[in-house]
Every structure is written in structure tokens, then in C-alpha cells.
Amino acid sequence: MALAMSVNHFKKAAQAGDRQLGAFMALADPVSAELMATTGFDWLLIDGEHGPNDIKSVMGQLQALAAYPVNAVVRMQDHNVADIKRVLDVGGQTLLIPMVESAEQAQQLVQAVQYPPKGVRGMGGGLTRATRWGSIQNYLEKADENICLILQLESPEGIAELDAITNTDGVDAIFIGPADLAAAMGHIGQPAHPEVHQIVENAIKRIHAAGKPVGVYCGDSEQVKAYQKMGASFFLIAADTMLLKQAAGGLLKAF
């Protein structure tokens, strides 16, 4: 049975500058992922950095989300090339890589998500869910163009190398992480600190001016509007864990 290649709609929307609202998913469960898929978010981030995910739980959530009109993004725990290969092989198409601080790291990550001769991604073929176990006949020819590589800048070192990282060929988008940036700047727990805020705004403007899609974490609806005017187009605005806790706490308070 021949199947068609899955088009990366997140990548197409990012390239078009369309606003996409997303949420972290740290519950590491396919049922909660499917529940989140019914709410109307444009994209959902399966979090392998801070969430308790392994390769099977990532795959289970990708399978749960596949039935819904929502874009799945997987945040890796680090830059490990073997782990990146495994997430791609279980069907991840859009990867968010944390703590990128140099153009050299960016180039290595680009190579990790591409097949030879441009990259170093291993050939899984019919062993993998990505190819639907060999059912997508043109997978090898179409895979690279349907991968979306997002690099996360969240340290002063990364911000200092922003232009070089952003302009690395094969980097599809940049995401700004204010929380870690604030901590590194001596303002731990204060991502809205004026000094941090100024750097985030400047970064958004520079990345947008370079012609790359840029995203940011922001839970303030008015600030999201301001960031969008500066050029940001995809946003993380919530987390499944926080939504559950807030709803439960609010209900108890009401009683």
C-alpha cells in the first residue's frame, strides 16, 4: 500500500508568517496529548527537555496527534545526533533544539536532520514509522524538505551569536527562550525583567529582518500582539501541566 508523504504544515505556516499559537506538553501521555489536540491550538510541543518523555512516549503522542489538524513539534533534550535520528524515525518532522550558542552547533544540527550527502542522518527505511514502514515510496526524496529545524536561543552566548546562527543554511526558524535567558543574566524567575525584555525584543526584530521565522514563549496576550508586530509569528502561550493545575485550583477556590 502506497501512502503520500506528510507535508509539514507548521513549516509552511511559519514561512508564510502566519500566527501559530502553541502549548507545552509535559504530561508525557498520548491521552492528554489527544485531549490537547481537540482544543484548537495550532501547534503542540512534546517536551523532551523538561518533560519526562522517552522515545516511545514521544511516538505515542505523535500517533495521537496525527488524527487532528494540529502541528506536532518535538523539543529535544540536547544536541545528541543519535537521539535526533530516533525522533525523526518515529515520525517527528519539526524539532526544537534547546540551548544553541554558535554557528558551529547550528551547522551540526542541520546535518543531523538531513540525509547524506548534505547531512548525516542514518537510513532507517522500512524499520521506521517515519516511512510508515516502507509505505511512503518517495520518503527519502521528500524527507529533508519536510523537516523543520527550530533552534532555541536562551543564553547571552546564543544571543551574541544570533546573526551567525540565524543565517546558517538549513536553519528554518529561531525560538527565543526568555526564562533561561533571564536566569543567565542574573534575573532568575524574572523573564519579564526590563533588561531581558529589551534583549528579547531586539532579537525578534533582528531575526525577522534576516528573513527567518521567529517564535517566543509568552503568556501575556497583549505582549504576544506586540511581539507579532515586531515580526514574531509562532508562540508558546501555555502548558498542559499549568492549565490542569490552574483549572483544578480555580475550581476548588470557587467552592
C-alpha atoms as a PDB file:
ATOM      1  CA  MET A   1       0.000   0.000   0.000  1.00  0.00           C
ATOM      2  CA  ALA A   2       1.483   3.326  -1.089  1.00  0.00           C
ATOM      3  CA  LEU A   3       0.997   6.353   1.156  1.00  0.00           C
ATOM      4  CA  ALA A   4       1.624  10.035   0.491  1.00  0.00           C
ATOM      5  CA  MET A   5       4.369  11.983   2.211  1.00  0.00           C
ATOM      6  CA  SER A   6       3.167  14.019   5.210  1.00  0.00           C
ATOM      7  CA  VAL A   7       3.512  17.719   4.356  1.00  0.00           C
ATOM      8  CA  ASN A   8       4.936  19.853   7.144  1.00  0.00           C
ATOM      9  CA  HIS A   9       2.163  22.397   7.674  1.00  0.00           C
ATOM     10  CA  PHE A  10       3.937  24.034  10.612  1.00  0.00           C
ATOM     11  CA  LYS A  11       6.884  24.848   8.357  1.00  0.00           C
ATOM     12  CA  LYS A  12       4.665  26.220   5.609  1.00  0.00           C
ATOM     13  CA  ALA A  13       2.753  28.420   8.062  1.00  0.00           C
ATOM     14  CA  ALA A  14       5.977  29.690   9.638  1.00  0.00           C
ATOM     15  CA  GLN A  15       7.440  30.549   6.243  1.00  0.00           C
ATOM     16  CA  ALA A  16       4.231  32.411   5.367  1.00  0.00           C
ATOM     17  CA  GLY A  17       4.384  34.378   8.622  1.00  0.00           C
ATOM     18  CA  ASP A  18       1.051  33.040   9.842  1.00  0.00           C
ATOM     19  CA  ARG A  19       0.407  33.358  13.579  1.00  0.00           C
ATOM     20  CA  GLN A  20       0.537  29.998  15.329  1.00  0.00           C
ATOM     21  CA  LEU A  21      -0.381  29.603  18.996  1.00  0.00           C
ATOM     22  CA  GLY A  22       1.033  26.628  20.835  1.00  0.00           C
ATOM     23  CA  ALA A  23       1.353  24.926  24.202  1.00  0.00           C
ATOM     24  CA  PHE A  24       3.966  22.861  26.009  1.00  0.00           C
ATOM     25  CA  MET A  25       3.009  19.258  26.689  1.00  0.00           C
ATOM     26  CA  ALA A  26       4.879  17.849  29.691  1.00  0.00           C
ATOM     27  CA  LEU A  27       2.417  15.184  30.882  1.00  0.00           C
ATOM     28  CA  ALA A  28       4.089  12.693  28.515  1.00  0.00           C
ATOM     29  CA  ASP A  29       0.876  10.839  27.794  1.00  0.00           C
ATOM     30  CA  PRO A  30      -0.913  10.142  24.483  1.00  0.00           C
ATOM     31  CA  VAL A  31      -4.390  10.548  26.025  1.00  0.00           C
ATOM     32  CA  SER A  32      -3.604  14.011  27.365  1.00  0.00           C
ATOM     33  CA  ALA A  33      -1.948  14.845  24.032  1.00  0.00           C
ATOM     34  CA  GLU A  34      -5.092  13.843  22.165  1.00  0.00           C
ATOM     35  CA  LEU A  35      -7.194  15.880  24.580  1.00  0.00           C
ATOM     36  CA  MET A  36      -4.990  18.922  23.911  1.00  0.00           C
ATOM     37  CA  ALA A  37      -5.391  18.324  20.168  1.00  0.00           C
ATOM     38  CA  THR A  38      -9.144  18.907  20.460  1.00  0.00           C
ATOM     39  CA  THR A  39      -8.786  22.399  21.973  1.00  0.00           C
ATOM     40  CA  GLY A  40      -7.814  24.403  18.902  1.00  0.00           C
ATOM     41  CA  PHE A  41      -4.117  25.113  19.413  1.00  0.00           C
ATOM     42  CA  ASP A  42      -2.206  25.480  16.147  1.00  0.00           C
ATOM     43  CA  TRP A  43       0.760  23.512  17.477  1.00  0.00           C
ATOM     44  CA  LEU A  44       1.682  21.391  20.467  1.00  0.00           C
ATOM     45  CA  LEU A  45       5.195  20.916  21.800  1.00  0.00           C
ATOM     46  CA  ILE A  46       6.084  17.430  23.020  1.00  0.00           C
ATOM     47  CA  ASP A  47       8.726  18.358  25.560  1.00  0.00           C
ATOM     48  CA  GLY A  48      11.727  16.067  25.745  1.00  0.00           C
ATOM     49  CA  GLU A  49      13.885  18.601  27.575  1.00  0.00           C
ATOM     50  CA  HIS A  50      11.955  19.122  30.806  1.00  0.00           C
ATOM     51  CA  GLY A  51       9.053  16.692  30.341  1.00  0.00           C
ATOM     52  CA  PRO A  52       9.520  13.020  31.384  1.00  0.00           C
ATOM     53  CA  ASN A  53       9.460  11.700  27.824  1.00  0.00           C
ATOM     54  CA  ASP A  54      11.301   8.824  26.194  1.00  0.00           C
ATOM     55  CA  ILE A  55      11.263   7.731  22.555  1.00  0.00           C
ATOM     56  CA  LYS A  56       8.158   5.542  22.963  1.00  0.00           C
ATOM     57  CA  SER A  57       6.140   8.249  24.719  1.00  0.00           C
ATOM     58  CA  VAL A  58       7.145  10.732  22.013  1.00  0.00           C
ATOM     59  CA  MET A  59       5.962   8.283  19.343  1.00  0.00           C
ATOM     60  CA  GLY A  60       2.709   7.634  21.171  1.00  0.00           C
ATOM     61  CA  GLN A  61       1.931  11.325  21.316  1.00  0.00           C
ATOM     62  CA  LEU A  62       2.805  11.819  17.645  1.00  0.00           C
ATOM     63  CA  GLN A  63       0.399   8.996  16.823  1.00  0.00           C
ATOM     64  CA  ALA A  64      -2.333  10.559  18.983  1.00  0.00           C
ATOM     65  CA  LEU A  65      -1.921  13.983  17.381  1.00  0.00           C
ATOM     66  CA  ALA A  66      -1.821  12.647  13.822  1.00  0.00           C
ATOM     67  CA  ALA A  67      -5.609  12.331  13.619  1.00  0.00           C
ATOM     68  CA  TYR A  68      -6.159  16.038  14.318  1.00  0.00           C
ATOM     69  CA  PRO A  69      -5.494  19.319  12.472  1.00  0.00           C
ATOM     70  CA  VAL A  70      -2.718  20.352  14.854  1.00  0.00           C
ATOM     71  CA  ASN A  71       1.016  20.619  14.222  1.00  0.00           C
ATOM     72  CA  ALA A  72       3.299  18.493  16.403  1.00  0.00           C
ATOM     73  CA  VAL A  73       6.701  19.819  17.443  1.00  0.00           C
ATOM     74  CA  VAL A  74       9.224  17.834  19.497  1.00  0.00           C
ATOM     75  CA  ARG A  75      11.703  19.596  21.759  1.00  0.00           C
ATOM     76  CA  MET A  76      14.865  17.527  22.121  1.00  0.00           C
ATOM     77  CA  GLN A  77      16.678  17.200  25.426  1.00  0.00           C
ATOM     78  CA  ASP A  78      20.015  18.220  23.886  1.00  0.00           C
ATOM     79  CA  HIS A  79      22.054  18.086  20.664  1.00  0.00           C
ATOM     80  CA  ASN A  80      22.643  14.332  20.572  1.00  0.00           C
ATOM     81  CA  VAL A  81      22.671  13.253  16.928  1.00  0.00           C
ATOM     82  CA  ALA A  82      21.535   9.687  17.668  1.00  0.00           C
ATOM     83  CA  ASP A  83      18.536  10.913  19.666  1.00  0.00           C
ATOM     84  CA  ILE A  84      17.608  13.342  16.876  1.00  0.00           C
ATOM     85  CA  LYS A  85      17.706  10.462  14.383  1.00  0.00           C
ATOM     86  CA  ARG A  86      15.409   8.361  16.563  1.00  0.00           C
ATOM     87  CA  VAL A  87      12.814  11.152  16.930  1.00  0.00           C
ATOM     88  CA  LEU A  88      12.831  11.698  13.163  1.00  0.00           C
ATOM     89  CA  ASP A  89      12.457   7.952  12.634  1.00  0.00           C
ATOM     90  CA  VAL A  90       9.357   7.730  14.838  1.00  0.00           C
ATOM     91  CA  GLY A  91       7.750  10.467  12.737  1.00  0.00           C
ATOM     92  CA  GLY A  92       8.839  13.815  14.156  1.00  0.00           C
ATOM     93  CA  GLN A  93       9.074  16.414  11.409  1.00  0.00           C
ATOM     94  CA  THR A  94       9.509  19.639  13.368  1.00  0.00           C
ATOM     95  CA  LEU A  95      12.241  19.710  16.002  1.00  0.00           C
ATOM     96  CA  LEU A  96      13.031  22.431  18.524  1.00  0.00           C
ATOM     97  CA  ILE A  97      16.613  22.181  19.766  1.00  0.00           C
ATOM     98  CA  PRO A  98      17.435  23.944  23.059  1.00  0.00           C
ATOM     99  CA  MET A  99      20.472  25.971  24.115  1.00  0.00           C
ATOM    100  CA  VAL A 100      22.123  26.683  20.754  1.00  0.00           C
ATOM    101  CA  GLU A 101      25.064  29.039  21.176  1.00  0.00           C
ATOM    102  CA  SER A 102      27.147  29.010  17.997  1.00  0.00           C
ATOM    103  CA  ALA A 103      27.012  28.725  14.219  1.00  0.00           C
ATOM    104  CA  GLU A 104      29.098  25.555  14.523  1.00  0.00           C
ATOM    105  CA  GLN A 105      26.417  23.937  16.675  1.00  0.00           C
ATOM    106  CA  ALA A 106      23.753  25.147  14.246  1.00  0.00           C
ATOM    107  CA  GLN A 107      25.565  23.549  11.303  1.00  0.00           C
ATOM    108  CA  GLN A 108      25.959  20.252  13.155  1.00  0.00           C
ATOM    109  CA  LEU A 109      22.223  20.230  13.929  1.00  0.00           C
ATOM    110  CA  VAL A 110      21.339  20.959  10.300  1.00  0.00           C
ATOM    111  CA  GLN A 111      23.426  17.961   9.254  1.00  0.00           C
ATOM    112  CA  ALA A 112      21.762  15.802  11.921  1.00  0.00           C
ATOM    113  CA  VAL A 113      18.292  16.258  10.389  1.00  0.00           C
ATOM    114  CA  GLN A 114      19.309  15.778   6.741  1.00  0.00           C
ATOM    115  CA  TYR A 115      20.172  12.664   4.787  1.00  0.00           C
ATOM    116  CA  PRO A 116      23.552  12.305   3.044  1.00  0.00           C
ATOM    117  CA  PRO A 117      25.215  13.793   1.136  1.00  0.00           C
ATOM    118  CA  LYS A 118      24.077  17.054   2.799  1.00  0.00           C
ATOM    119  CA  GLY A 119      23.767  15.559   6.271  1.00  0.00           C
ATOM    120  CA  VAL A 120      24.489  12.552   8.461  1.00  0.00           C
ATOM    121  CA  ARG A 121      21.021  11.176   9.247  1.00  0.00           C
ATOM    122  CA  GLY A 122      21.078   7.393   9.184  1.00  0.00           C
ATOM    123  CA  MET A 123      18.946   5.301   6.858  1.00  0.00           C
ATOM    124  CA  GLY A 124      16.155   3.585   8.789  1.00  0.00           C
ATOM    125  CA  GLY A 125      13.961   2.743   5.816  1.00  0.00           C
ATOM    126  CA  GLY A 126      11.251   0.163   6.399  1.00  0.00           C
ATOM    127  CA  LEU A 127      12.120  -0.111  10.099  1.00  0.00           C
ATOM    128  CA  THR A 128      10.645   3.296  10.862  1.00  0.00           C
ATOM    129  CA  ARG A 129       7.269   4.896  11.463  1.00  0.00           C
ATOM    130  CA  ALA A 130       8.517   7.949   9.535  1.00  0.00           C
ATOM    131  CA  THR A 131       8.363   5.968   6.289  1.00  0.00           C
ATOM    132  CA  ARG A 132       5.207   4.183   7.521  1.00  0.00           C
ATOM    133  CA  TRP A 133       7.382   1.088   7.445  1.00  0.00           C
ATOM    134  CA  GLY A 134       8.254   1.487   3.788  1.00  0.00           C
ATOM    135  CA  SER A 135       4.798   2.539   2.586  1.00  0.00           C
ATOM    136  CA  ILE A 136       5.807   6.116   1.651  1.00  0.00           C
ATOM    137  CA  GLN A 137       7.595   5.406  -1.602  1.00  0.00           C
ATOM    138  CA  ASN A 138       9.210   8.839  -2.042  1.00  0.00           C
ATOM    139  CA  TYR A 139      10.117   9.405   1.603  1.00  0.00           C
ATOM    140  CA  LEU A 140      13.879   9.617   1.065  1.00  0.00           C
ATOM    141  CA  GLU A 141      13.456  12.184  -1.720  1.00  0.00           C
ATOM    142  CA  LYS A 142      10.949  14.342   0.188  1.00  0.00           C
ATOM    143  CA  ALA A 143      12.062  13.990   3.812  1.00  0.00           C
ATOM    144  CA  ASP A 144      14.588  16.838   4.016  1.00  0.00           C
ATOM    145  CA  GLU A 145      12.222  19.455   2.592  1.00  0.00           C
ATOM    146  CA  ASN A 146       9.530  18.475   5.095  1.00  0.00           C
ATOM    147  CA  ILE A 147      11.788  18.704   8.153  1.00  0.00           C
ATOM    148  CA  CYS A 148      11.567  21.971  10.091  1.00  0.00           C
ATOM    149  CA  LEU A 149      14.566  22.752  12.297  1.00  0.00           C
ATOM    150  CA  ILE A 150      13.963  25.367  15.004  1.00  0.00           C
ATOM    151  CA  LEU A 151      16.911  26.454  17.133  1.00  0.00           C
ATOM    152  CA  GLN A 152      16.311  27.880  20.589  1.00  0.00           C
ATOM    153  CA  LEU A 153      18.400  30.853  21.760  1.00  0.00           C
ATOM    154  CA  GLU A 154      18.227  31.213  25.522  1.00  0.00           C
ATOM    155  CA  SER A 155      21.611  32.409  26.761  1.00  0.00           C
ATOM    156  CA  PRO A 156      23.771  35.531  26.385  1.00  0.00           C
ATOM    157  CA  GLU A 157      26.198  33.397  24.359  1.00  0.00           C
ATOM    158  CA  GLY A 158      23.451  32.407  21.936  1.00  0.00           C
ATOM    159  CA  ILE A 159      22.210  35.990  21.618  1.00  0.00           C
ATOM    160  CA  ALA A 160      25.776  37.144  20.927  1.00  0.00           C
ATOM    161  CA  GLU A 161      25.929  34.690  18.002  1.00  0.00           C
ATOM    162  CA  LEU A 162      22.369  35.395  16.850  1.00  0.00           C
ATOM    163  CA  ASP A 163      23.213  36.606  13.349  1.00  0.00           C
ATOM    164  CA  ALA A 164      25.557  33.724  12.554  1.00  0.00           C
ATOM    165  CA  ILE A 165      23.114  31.121  13.899  1.00  0.00           C
ATOM    166  CA  THR A 166      20.105  32.667  12.148  1.00  0.00           C
ATOM    167  CA  ASN A 167      21.886  32.839   8.798  1.00  0.00           C
ATOM    168  CA  THR A 168      23.093  29.234   8.875  1.00  0.00           C
ATOM    169  CA  ASP A 169      21.717  27.494   5.785  1.00  0.00           C
ATOM    170  CA  GLY A 170      19.196  24.823   6.766  1.00  0.00           C
ATOM    171  CA  VAL A 171      18.019  26.545   9.942  1.00  0.00           C
ATOM    172  CA  ASP A 172      14.302  27.059   9.365  1.00  0.00           C
ATOM    173  CA  ALA A 173      13.345  29.185  12.379  1.00  0.00           C
ATOM    174  CA  ILE A 174      14.576  30.609  15.676  1.00  0.00           C
ATOM    175  CA  PHE A 175      12.817  30.446  19.040  1.00  0.00           C
ATOM    176  CA  ILE A 176      13.657  32.769  21.930  1.00  0.00           C
ATOM    177  CA  GLY A 177      13.525  31.386  25.483  1.00  0.00           C
ATOM    178  CA  PRO A 178      13.193  34.277  27.972  1.00  0.00           C
ATOM    179  CA  ALA A 179      13.229  32.141  31.163  1.00  0.00           C
ATOM    180  CA  ASP A 180      16.710  30.666  30.766  1.00  0.00           C
ATOM    181  CA  LEU A 181      17.967  33.926  29.318  1.00  0.00           C
ATOM    182  CA  ALA A 182      16.750  35.786  32.398  1.00  0.00           C
ATOM    183  CA  ALA A 183      18.423  33.278  34.725  1.00  0.00           C
ATOM    184  CA  ALA A 184      21.719  33.547  32.863  1.00  0.00           C
ATOM    185  CA  MET A 185      21.529  37.332  33.070  1.00  0.00           C
ATOM    186  CA  GLY A 186      21.127  37.263  36.843  1.00  0.00           C
ATOM    187  CA  HIS A 187      17.348  37.739  36.853  1.00  0.00           C
ATOM    188  CA  ILE A 188      16.257  34.189  37.663  1.00  0.00           C
ATOM    189  CA  GLY A 189      12.476  33.795  37.677  1.00  0.00           C
ATOM    190  CA  GLN A 190      12.011  37.202  36.043  1.00  0.00           C
ATOM    191  CA  PRO A 191      11.616  36.650  32.273  1.00  0.00           C
ATOM    192  CA  ALA A 192       9.736  39.977  32.041  1.00  0.00           C
ATOM    193  CA  HIS A 193      12.616  41.948  33.609  1.00  0.00           C
ATOM    194  CA  PRO A 194      13.225  45.140  31.556  1.00  0.00           C
ATOM    195  CA  GLU A 195      16.791  44.114  30.627  1.00  0.00           C
ATOM    196  CA  VAL A 196      15.628  40.687  29.444  1.00  0.00           C
ATOM    197  CA  HIS A 197      12.617  42.163  27.680  1.00  0.00           C
ATOM    198  CA  GLN A 198      14.839  44.576  25.737  1.00  0.00           C
ATOM    199  CA  ILE A 199      17.107  41.764  24.525  1.00  0.00           C
ATOM    200  CA  VAL A 200      14.124  39.611  23.520  1.00  0.00           C
ATOM    201  CA  GLU A 201      12.579  42.449  21.505  1.00  0.00           C
ATOM    202  CA  ASN A 202      15.866  43.243  19.789  1.00  0.00           C
ATOM    203  CA  ALA A 203      16.405  39.560  18.945  1.00  0.00           C
ATOM    204  CA  ILE A 204      12.926  39.228  17.422  1.00  0.00           C
ATOM    205  CA  LYS A 205      13.471  42.271  15.227  1.00  0.00           C
ATOM    206  CA  ARG A 206      16.900  41.102  14.026  1.00  0.00           C
ATOM    207  CA  ILE A 207      15.760  37.563  13.238  1.00  0.00           C
ATOM    208  CA  HIS A 208      12.708  38.856  11.371  1.00  0.00           C
ATOM    209  CA  ALA A 209      14.885  41.317   9.431  1.00  0.00           C
ATOM    210  CA  ALA A 210      17.099  38.380   8.412  1.00  0.00           C
ATOM    211  CA  GLY A 211      14.064  36.724   6.838  1.00  0.00           C
ATOM    212  CA  LYS A 212      13.726  33.802   9.258  1.00  0.00           C
ATOM    213  CA  PRO A 213      10.545  32.920  11.175  1.00  0.00           C
ATOM    214  CA  VAL A 214      10.873  33.683  14.864  1.00  0.00           C
ATOM    215  CA  GLY A 215       8.934  32.430  17.862  1.00  0.00           C
ATOM    216  CA  VAL A 216       8.898  33.148  21.583  1.00  0.00           C
ATOM    217  CA  TYR A 217       7.378  31.931  24.827  1.00  0.00           C
ATOM    218  CA  CYS A 218       4.914  34.483  26.207  1.00  0.00           C
ATOM    219  CA  GLY A 219       1.853  34.014  28.382  1.00  0.00           C
ATOM    220  CA  ASP A 220       0.669  37.625  28.082  1.00  0.00           C
ATOM    221  CA  SER A 221      -1.874  38.143  25.274  1.00  0.00           C
ATOM    222  CA  GLU A 222      -1.088  41.849  24.865  1.00  0.00           C
ATOM    223  CA  GLN A 223       2.642  41.157  24.742  1.00  0.00           C
ATOM    224  CA  VAL A 224       2.053  38.496  22.095  1.00  0.00           C
ATOM    225  CA  LYS A 225       0.367  41.161  19.952  1.00  0.00           C
ATOM    226  CA  ALA A 226       3.358  43.446  20.448  1.00  0.00           C
ATOM    227  CA  TYR A 227       5.822  40.675  19.582  1.00  0.00           C
ATOM    228  CA  GLN A 228       3.798  39.861  16.472  1.00  0.00           C
ATOM    229  CA  LYS A 229       4.115  43.464  15.284  1.00  0.00           C
ATOM    230  CA  MET A 230       7.890  43.112  15.710  1.00  0.00           C
ATOM    231  CA  GLY A 231       7.919  40.061  13.459  1.00  0.00           C
ATOM    232  CA  ALA A 232       7.324  37.036  15.699  1.00  0.00           C
ATOM    233  CA  SER A 233       4.818  34.567  14.298  1.00  0.00           C
ATOM    234  CA  PHE A 234       4.729  31.437  16.461  1.00  0.00           C
ATOM    235  CA  PHE A 235       4.201  31.463  20.190  1.00  0.00           C
ATOM    236  CA  LEU A 236       4.062  29.143  23.176  1.00  0.00           C
ATOM    237  CA  ILE A 237       1.390  30.576  25.443  1.00  0.00           C
ATOM    238  CA  ALA A 238       0.560  27.762  27.880  1.00  0.00           C
ATOM    239  CA  ALA A 239       1.460  24.311  29.209  1.00  0.00           C
ATOM    240  CA  ASP A 240      -0.723  21.273  29.820  1.00  0.00           C
ATOM    241  CA  THR A 241       0.567  20.922  33.379  1.00  0.00           C
ATOM    242  CA  MET A 242      -0.139  24.554  34.233  1.00  0.00           C
ATOM    243  CA  LEU A 243      -3.570  24.510  32.611  1.00  0.00           C
ATOM    244  CA  LEU A 244      -4.582  21.452  34.627  1.00  0.00           C
ATOM    245  CA  LYS A 245      -3.282  22.892  37.884  1.00  0.00           C
ATOM    246  CA  GLN A 246      -4.883  26.297  37.301  1.00  0.00           C
ATOM    247  CA  ALA A 247      -8.244  24.762  36.409  1.00  0.00           C
ATOM    248  CA  ALA A 248      -8.210  22.473  39.442  1.00  0.00           C
ATOM    249  CA  GLY A 249      -7.112  25.250  41.766  1.00  0.00           C
ATOM    250  CA  GLY A 250      -9.679  27.646  40.366  1.00  0.00           C
ATOM    251  CA  LEU A 251     -12.465  25.126  40.813  1.00  0.00           C
ATOM    252  CA  LEU A 252     -11.566  24.477  44.434  1.00  0.00           C
ATOM    253  CA  LYS A 253     -11.328  28.186  45.125  1.00  0.00           C
ATOM    254  CA  ALA A 254     -14.809  28.711  43.662  1.00  0.00           C
ATOM    255  CA  PHE A 255     -16.207  26.206  46.138  1.00  0.00           C
END
